[in-house]
PDB file of N, CA and C in Angstrom:
ATOM      1  N   MET A   1     215.340 227.738 153.982  1.00  0.00           N
ATOM      2  CA  MET A   1     214.964 227.108 152.731  1.00  0.00           C
ATOM      3  C   MET A   1     213.794 226.155 152.989  1.00  0.00           C
ATOM      4  N   LYS A   2     212.797 226.240 152.139  1.00  0.00           N
ATOM      5  CA  LYS A   2     211.610 225.397 152.309  1.00  0.00           C
ATOM      6  C   LYS A   2     211.883 223.951 151.918  1.00  0.00           C
ATOM      7  N   ASN A   3     211.316 223.052 152.681  1.00  0.00           N
ATOM      8  CA  ASN A   3     211.369 221.635 152.356  1.00  0.00           C
ATOM      9  C   ASN A   3     210.237 221.364 151.366  1.00  0.00           C
ATOM     10  N   LYS A   4     210.598 221.064 150.120  1.00  0.00           N
ATOM     11  CA  LYS A   4     209.611 220.895 149.043  1.00  0.00           C
ATOM     12  C   LYS A   4     208.693 219.699 149.280  1.00  0.00           C
ATOM     13  N   VAL A   5     209.192 218.655 149.901  1.00  0.00           N
ATOM     14  CA  VAL A   5     208.371 217.469 150.163  1.00  0.00           C
ATOM     15  C   VAL A   5     207.303 217.787 151.217  1.00  0.00           C
ATOM     16  N   ILE A   6     207.687 218.505 152.241  1.00  0.00           N
ATOM     17  CA  ILE A   6     206.705 218.903 153.258  1.00  0.00           C
ATOM     18  C   ILE A   6     205.715 219.895 152.659  1.00  0.00           C
ATOM     19  N   GLU A   7     206.196 220.776 151.814  1.00  0.00           N
ATOM     20  CA  GLU A   7     205.297 221.710 151.130  1.00  0.00           C
ATOM     21  C   GLU A   7     204.246 220.946 150.316  1.00  0.00           C
ATOM     22  N   LYS A   8     204.680 219.885 149.658  1.00  0.00           N
ATOM     23  CA  LYS A   8     203.755 219.046 148.885  1.00  0.00           C
ATOM     24  C   LYS A   8     202.750 218.354 149.815  1.00  0.00           C
ATOM     25  N   ALA A   9     203.218 217.862 150.955  1.00  0.00           N
ATOM     26  CA  ALA A   9     202.325 217.209 151.926  1.00  0.00           C
ATOM     27  C   ALA A   9     201.276 218.194 152.443  1.00  0.00           C
ATOM     28  N   ILE A  10     201.686 219.417 152.693  1.00  0.00           N
ATOM     29  CA  ILE A  10     200.751 220.455 153.146  1.00  0.00           C
ATOM     30  C   ILE A  10     199.701 220.704 152.074  1.00  0.00           C
ATOM     31  N   ASP A  11     200.148 220.831 150.833  1.00  0.00           N
ATOM     32  CA  ASP A  11     199.212 221.041 149.719  1.00  0.00           C
ATOM     33  C   ASP A  11     198.218 219.891 149.611  1.00  0.00           C
ATOM     34  N   MET A  12     198.706 218.666 149.767  1.00  0.00           N
ATOM     35  CA  MET A  12     197.840 217.491 149.654  1.00  0.00           C
ATOM     36  C   MET A  12     196.810 217.441 150.784  1.00  0.00           C
ATOM     37  N   CYS A  13     197.207 217.873 151.971  1.00  0.00           N
ATOM     38  CA  CYS A  13     196.298 217.851 153.123  1.00  0.00           C
ATOM     39  C   CYS A  13     195.378 219.072 153.161  1.00  0.00           C
ATOM     40  N   GLY A  14     195.762 220.120 152.484  1.00  0.00           N
ATOM     41  CA  GLY A  14     194.922 221.314 152.421  1.00  0.00           C
ATOM     42  C   GLY A  14     195.429 222.508 153.207  1.00  0.00           C
ATOM     43  N   SER A  15     196.223 222.250 154.234  1.00  0.00           N
ATOM     44  CA  SER A  15     196.796 223.345 155.025  1.00  0.00           C
ATOM     45  C   SER A  15     197.802 222.771 156.021  1.00  0.00           C
ATOM     46  N   GLN A  16     198.614 223.657 156.573  1.00  0.00           N
ATOM     47  CA  GLN A  16     199.535 223.227 157.628  1.00  0.00           C
ATOM     48  C   GLN A  16     198.751 222.665 158.812  1.00  0.00           C
ATOM     49  N   LYS A  17     197.668 223.317 159.153  1.00  0.00           N
ATOM     50  CA  LYS A  17     196.868 222.878 160.307  1.00  0.00           C
ATOM     51  C   LYS A  17     196.302 221.477 160.093  1.00  0.00           C
ATOM     52  N   LYS A  18     195.827 221.181 158.876  1.00  0.00           N
ATOM     53  CA  LYS A  18     195.264 219.851 158.604  1.00  0.00           C
ATOM     54  C   LYS A  18     196.343 218.774 158.645  1.00  0.00           C
ATOM     55  N   LEU A  19     197.530 219.069 158.115  1.00  0.00           N
ATOM     56  CA  LEU A  19     198.631 218.108 158.217  1.00  0.00           C
ATOM     57  C   LEU A  19     199.002 217.918 159.684  1.00  0.00           C
ATOM     58  N   ALA A  20     199.033 219.002 160.425  1.00  0.00           N
ATOM     59  CA  ALA A  20     199.347 218.923 161.856  1.00  0.00           C
ATOM     60  C   ALA A  20     198.356 218.028 162.594  1.00  0.00           C
ATOM     61  N   LEU A  21     197.077 218.215 162.334  1.00  0.00           N
ATOM     62  CA  LEU A  21     196.052 217.384 162.981  1.00  0.00           C
ATOM     63  C   LEU A  21     196.230 215.913 162.634  1.00  0.00           C
ATOM     64  N   ALA A  22     196.547 215.628 161.376  1.00  0.00           N
ATOM     65  CA  ALA A  22     196.739 214.243 160.932  1.00  0.00           C
ATOM     66  C   ALA A  22     197.956 213.596 161.598  1.00  0.00           C
ATOM     67  N   CYS A  23     198.935 214.425 161.952  1.00  0.00           N
ATOM     68  CA  CYS A  23     200.170 213.903 162.542  1.00  0.00           C
ATOM     69  C   CYS A  23     200.209 214.020 164.062  1.00  0.00           C
ATOM     70  N   GLY A  24     199.209 214.667 164.638  1.00  0.00           N
ATOM     71  CA  GLY A  24     199.175 214.819 166.085  1.00  0.00           C
ATOM     72  C   GLY A  24     200.165 215.834 166.622  1.00  0.00           C
ATOM     73  N   VAL A  25     200.424 216.877 165.832  1.00  0.00           N
ATOM     74  CA  VAL A  25     201.340 217.942 166.248  1.00  0.00           C
ATOM     75  C   VAL A  25     200.643 219.291 166.074  1.00  0.00           C
ATOM     76  N   THR A  26     201.321 220.353 166.454  1.00  0.00           N
ATOM     77  CA  THR A  26     200.769 221.692 166.274  1.00  0.00           C
ATOM     78  C   THR A  26     201.107 222.218 164.880  1.00  0.00           C
ATOM     79  N   GLN A  27     200.380 223.244 164.477  1.00  0.00           N
ATOM     80  CA  GLN A  27     200.678 223.900 163.202  1.00  0.00           C
ATOM     81  C   GLN A  27     202.094 224.480 163.232  1.00  0.00           C
ATOM     82  N   ALA A  28     202.533 224.935 164.388  1.00  0.00           N
ATOM     83  CA  ALA A  28     203.885 225.486 164.518  1.00  0.00           C
ATOM     84  C   ALA A  28     204.947 224.427 164.218  1.00  0.00           C
ATOM     85  N   THR A  29     204.683 223.188 164.603  1.00  0.00           N
ATOM     86  CA  THR A  29     205.621 222.100 164.313  1.00  0.00           C
ATOM     87  C   THR A  29     205.715 221.865 162.815  1.00  0.00           C
ATOM     88  N   VAL A  30     204.580 221.878 162.126  1.00  0.00           N
ATOM     89  CA  VAL A  30     204.590 221.700 160.672  1.00  0.00           C
ATOM     90  C   VAL A  30     205.342 222.857 160.015  1.00  0.00           C
ATOM     91  N   SER A  31     205.166 224.052 160.523  1.00  0.00           N
ATOM     92  CA  SER A  31     205.899 225.208 160.007  1.00  0.00           C
ATOM     93  C   SER A  31     207.405 225.005 160.180  1.00  0.00           C
ATOM     94  N   TYR A  32     207.798 224.460 161.294  1.00  0.00           N
ATOM     95  CA  TYR A  32     209.197 224.134 161.587  1.00  0.00           C
ATOM     96  C   TYR A  32     209.723 223.137 160.553  1.00  0.00           C
ATOM     97  N   TRP A  33     208.939 222.085 160.277  1.00  0.00           N
ATOM     98  CA  TRP A  33     209.330 221.097 159.261  1.00  0.00           C
ATOM     99  C   TRP A  33     209.489 221.766 157.906  1.00  0.00           C
ATOM    100  N   LEU A  34     208.533 222.628 157.563  1.00  0.00           N
ATOM    101  CA  LEU A  34     208.535 223.293 156.265  1.00  0.00           C
ATOM    102  C   LEU A  34     209.790 224.137 156.077  1.00  0.00           C
ATOM    103  N   ARG A  35     210.255 224.738 157.142  1.00  0.00           N
ATOM    104  CA  ARG A  35     211.454 225.578 157.058  1.00  0.00           C
ATOM    105  C   ARG A  35     212.740 224.764 157.049  1.00  0.00           C
ATOM    106  N   GLY A  36     212.617 223.432 157.009  1.00  0.00           N
ATOM    107  CA  GLY A  36     213.794 222.581 156.911  1.00  0.00           C
ATOM    108  C   GLY A  36     214.554 222.414 158.206  1.00  0.00           C
ATOM    109  N   MET A  37     213.851 222.521 159.316  1.00  0.00           N
ATOM    110  CA  MET A  37     214.496 222.454 160.620  1.00  0.00           C
ATOM    111  C   MET A  37     214.568 221.038 161.184  1.00  0.00           C
ATOM    112  N   GLY A  38     214.191 220.037 160.398  1.00  0.00           N
ATOM    113  CA  GLY A  38     214.250 218.655 160.850  1.00  0.00           C
ATOM    114  C   GLY A  38     212.890 218.107 161.247  1.00  0.00           C
ATOM    115  N   ILE A  39     212.785 216.796 161.182  1.00  0.00           N
ATOM    116  CA  ILE A  39     211.543 216.104 161.519  1.00  0.00           C
ATOM    117  C   ILE A  39     211.912 214.893 162.364  1.00  0.00           C
ATOM    118  N   SER A  40     211.298 214.769 163.515  1.00  0.00           N
ATOM    119  CA  SER A  40     211.526 213.610 164.368  1.00  0.00           C
ATOM    120  C   SER A  40     211.042 212.353 163.641  1.00  0.00           C
ATOM    121  N   SER A  41     211.808 211.289 163.764  1.00  0.00           N
ATOM    122  CA  SER A  41     211.482 210.047 163.051  1.00  0.00           C
ATOM    123  C   SER A  41     210.101 209.506 163.397  1.00  0.00           C
ATOM    124  N   GLN A  42     209.591 209.833 164.569  1.00  0.00           N
ATOM    125  CA  GLN A  42     208.273 209.325 164.970  1.00  0.00           C
ATOM    126  C   GLN A  42     207.145 209.864 164.099  1.00  0.00           C
ATOM    127  N   TYR A  43     207.409 210.928 163.328  1.00  0.00           N
ATOM    128  CA  TYR A  43     206.361 211.523 162.496  1.00  0.00           C
ATOM    129  C   TYR A  43     206.443 211.131 161.022  1.00  0.00           C
ATOM    130  N   LEU A  44     207.481 210.449 160.622  1.00  0.00           N
ATOM    131  CA  LEU A  44     207.646 210.107 159.204  1.00  0.00           C
ATOM    132  C   LEU A  44     206.495 209.252 158.683  1.00  0.00           C
ATOM    133  N   LEU A  45     206.147 208.207 159.400  1.00  0.00           N
ATOM    134  CA  LEU A  45     205.031 207.349 158.964  1.00  0.00           C
ATOM    135  C   LEU A  45     203.696 208.080 159.025  1.00  0.00           C
ATOM    136  N   LYS A  46     203.563 208.992 159.974  1.00  0.00           N
ATOM    137  CA  LYS A  46     202.320 209.757 160.078  1.00  0.00           C
ATOM    138  C   LYS A  46     202.143 210.673 158.871  1.00  0.00           C
ATOM    139  N   ILE A  47     203.232 211.270 158.407  1.00  0.00           N
ATOM    140  CA  ILE A  47     203.165 212.113 157.207  1.00  0.00           C
ATOM    141  C   ILE A  47     202.831 211.247 156.001  1.00  0.00           C
ATOM    142  N   GLU A  48     203.479 210.087 155.904  1.00  0.00           N
ATOM    143  CA  GLU A  48     203.194 209.165 154.804  1.00  0.00           C
ATOM    144  C   GLU A  48     201.712 208.778 154.810  1.00  0.00           C
ATOM    145  N   LYS A  49     201.180 208.457 155.973  1.00  0.00           N
ATOM    146  CA  LYS A  49     199.769 208.070 156.086  1.00  0.00           C
ATOM    147  C   LYS A  49     198.846 209.240 155.746  1.00  0.00           C
ATOM    148  N   ALA A  50     199.189 210.432 156.194  1.00  0.00           N
ATOM    149  CA  ALA A  50     198.358 211.620 155.939  1.00  0.00           C
ATOM    150  C   ALA A  50     198.238 211.924 154.450  1.00  0.00           C
ATOM    151  N   THR A  51     199.248 211.503 153.681  1.00  0.00           N
ATOM    152  CA  THR A  51     199.232 211.742 152.231  1.00  0.00           C
ATOM    153  C   THR A  51     198.834 210.486 151.456  1.00  0.00           C
ATOM    154  N   ASN A  52     198.279 209.508 152.158  1.00  0.00           N
ATOM    155  CA  ASN A  52     197.881 208.235 151.534  1.00  0.00           C
ATOM    156  C   ASN A  52     199.026 207.602 150.743  1.00  0.00           C
ATOM    157  N   LYS A  53     200.215 207.694 151.311  1.00  0.00           N
ATOM    158  CA  LYS A  53     201.451 207.129 150.756  1.00  0.00           C
ATOM    159  C   LYS A  53     201.884 207.773 149.438  1.00  0.00           C
ATOM    160  N   ALA A  54     201.295 208.924 149.104  1.00  0.00           N
ATOM    161  CA  ALA A  54     201.756 209.660 147.917  1.00  0.00           C
ATOM    162  C   ALA A  54     203.147 210.228 148.180  1.00  0.00           C
ATOM    163  N   ILE A  55     203.427 210.483 149.444  1.00  0.00           N
ATOM    164  CA  ILE A  55     204.761 210.896 149.874  1.00  0.00           C
ATOM    165  C   ILE A  55     205.252 209.810 150.818  1.00  0.00           C
ATOM    166  N   THR A  56     206.379 209.212 150.477  1.00  0.00           N
ATOM    167  CA  THR A  56     206.898 208.094 151.259  1.00  0.00           C
ATOM    168  C   THR A  56     207.909 208.559 152.307  1.00  0.00           C
ATOM    169  N   VAL A  57     208.132 207.695 153.276  1.00  0.00           N
ATOM    170  CA  VAL A  57     209.144 207.954 154.295  1.00  0.00           C
ATOM    171  C   VAL A  57     210.491 208.206 153.631  1.00  0.00           C
ATOM    172  N   GLU A  58     210.803 207.417 152.613  1.00  0.00           N
ATOM    173  CA  GLU A  58     212.080 207.562 151.920  1.00  0.00           C
ATOM    174  C   GLU A  58     212.223 208.947 151.296  1.00  0.00           C
ATOM    175  N   GLU A  59     211.148 209.448 150.681  1.00  0.00           N
ATOM    176  CA  GLU A  59     211.184 210.794 150.095  1.00  0.00           C
ATOM    177  C   GLU A  59     211.431 211.855 151.161  1.00  0.00           C
ATOM    178  N   ILE A  60     210.783 211.687 152.289  1.00  0.00           N
ATOM    179  CA  ILE A  60     210.945 212.665 153.368  1.00  0.00           C
ATOM    180  C   ILE A  60     212.385 212.655 153.866  1.00  0.00           C
ATOM    181  N   ILE A  61     212.926 211.465 154.101  1.00  0.00           N
ATOM    182  CA  ILE A  61     214.307 211.351 154.577  1.00  0.00           C
ATOM    183  C   ILE A  61     215.268 211.977 153.573  1.00  0.00           C
ATOM    184  N   LYS A  62     215.072 211.681 152.305  1.00  0.00           N
ATOM    185  CA  LYS A  62     215.939 212.246 151.264  1.00  0.00           C
ATOM    186  C   LYS A  62     215.870 213.771 151.277  1.00  0.00           C
ATOM    187  N   SER A  63     214.664 214.311 151.468  1.00  0.00           N
ATOM    188  CA  SER A  63     214.501 215.770 151.456  1.00  0.00           C
ATOM    189  C   SER A  63     215.224 216.439 152.625  1.00  0.00           C
ATOM    190  N   LEU A  64     215.436 215.705 153.697  1.00  0.00           N
ATOM    191  CA  LEU A  64     216.125 216.263 154.860  1.00  0.00           C
ATOM    192  C   LEU A  64     217.616 216.423 154.620  1.00  0.00           C
ATOM    193  N   HIS A  65     218.122 215.743 153.604  1.00  0.00           N
ATOM    194  CA  HIS A  65     219.554 215.781 153.306  1.00  0.00           C
ATOM    195  C   HIS A  65     219.874 216.625 152.083  1.00  0.00           C
ATOM    196  N   GLU A  66     218.888 217.315 151.557  1.00  0.00           N
ATOM    197  CA  GLU A  66     219.112 218.150 150.363  1.00  0.00           C
ATOM    198  C   GLU A  66     219.505 219.549 150.751  1.00  0.00           C
TER     199      GLU A  66
END
């Protein structure tokens, strides 16, 4: 099942690769996040920053429990 919040972050950044570059991870890692496989806490703020706080840490955490 796709993580809708990560899908939104990808759309905002333009691609999985661009979100990956902003977070310092590989495109494969972003794909892993998108498939709902979990996100290490060290990347939550990086995702928030990559989306200019349009997606918050709280939203990401909530999406992991849906």
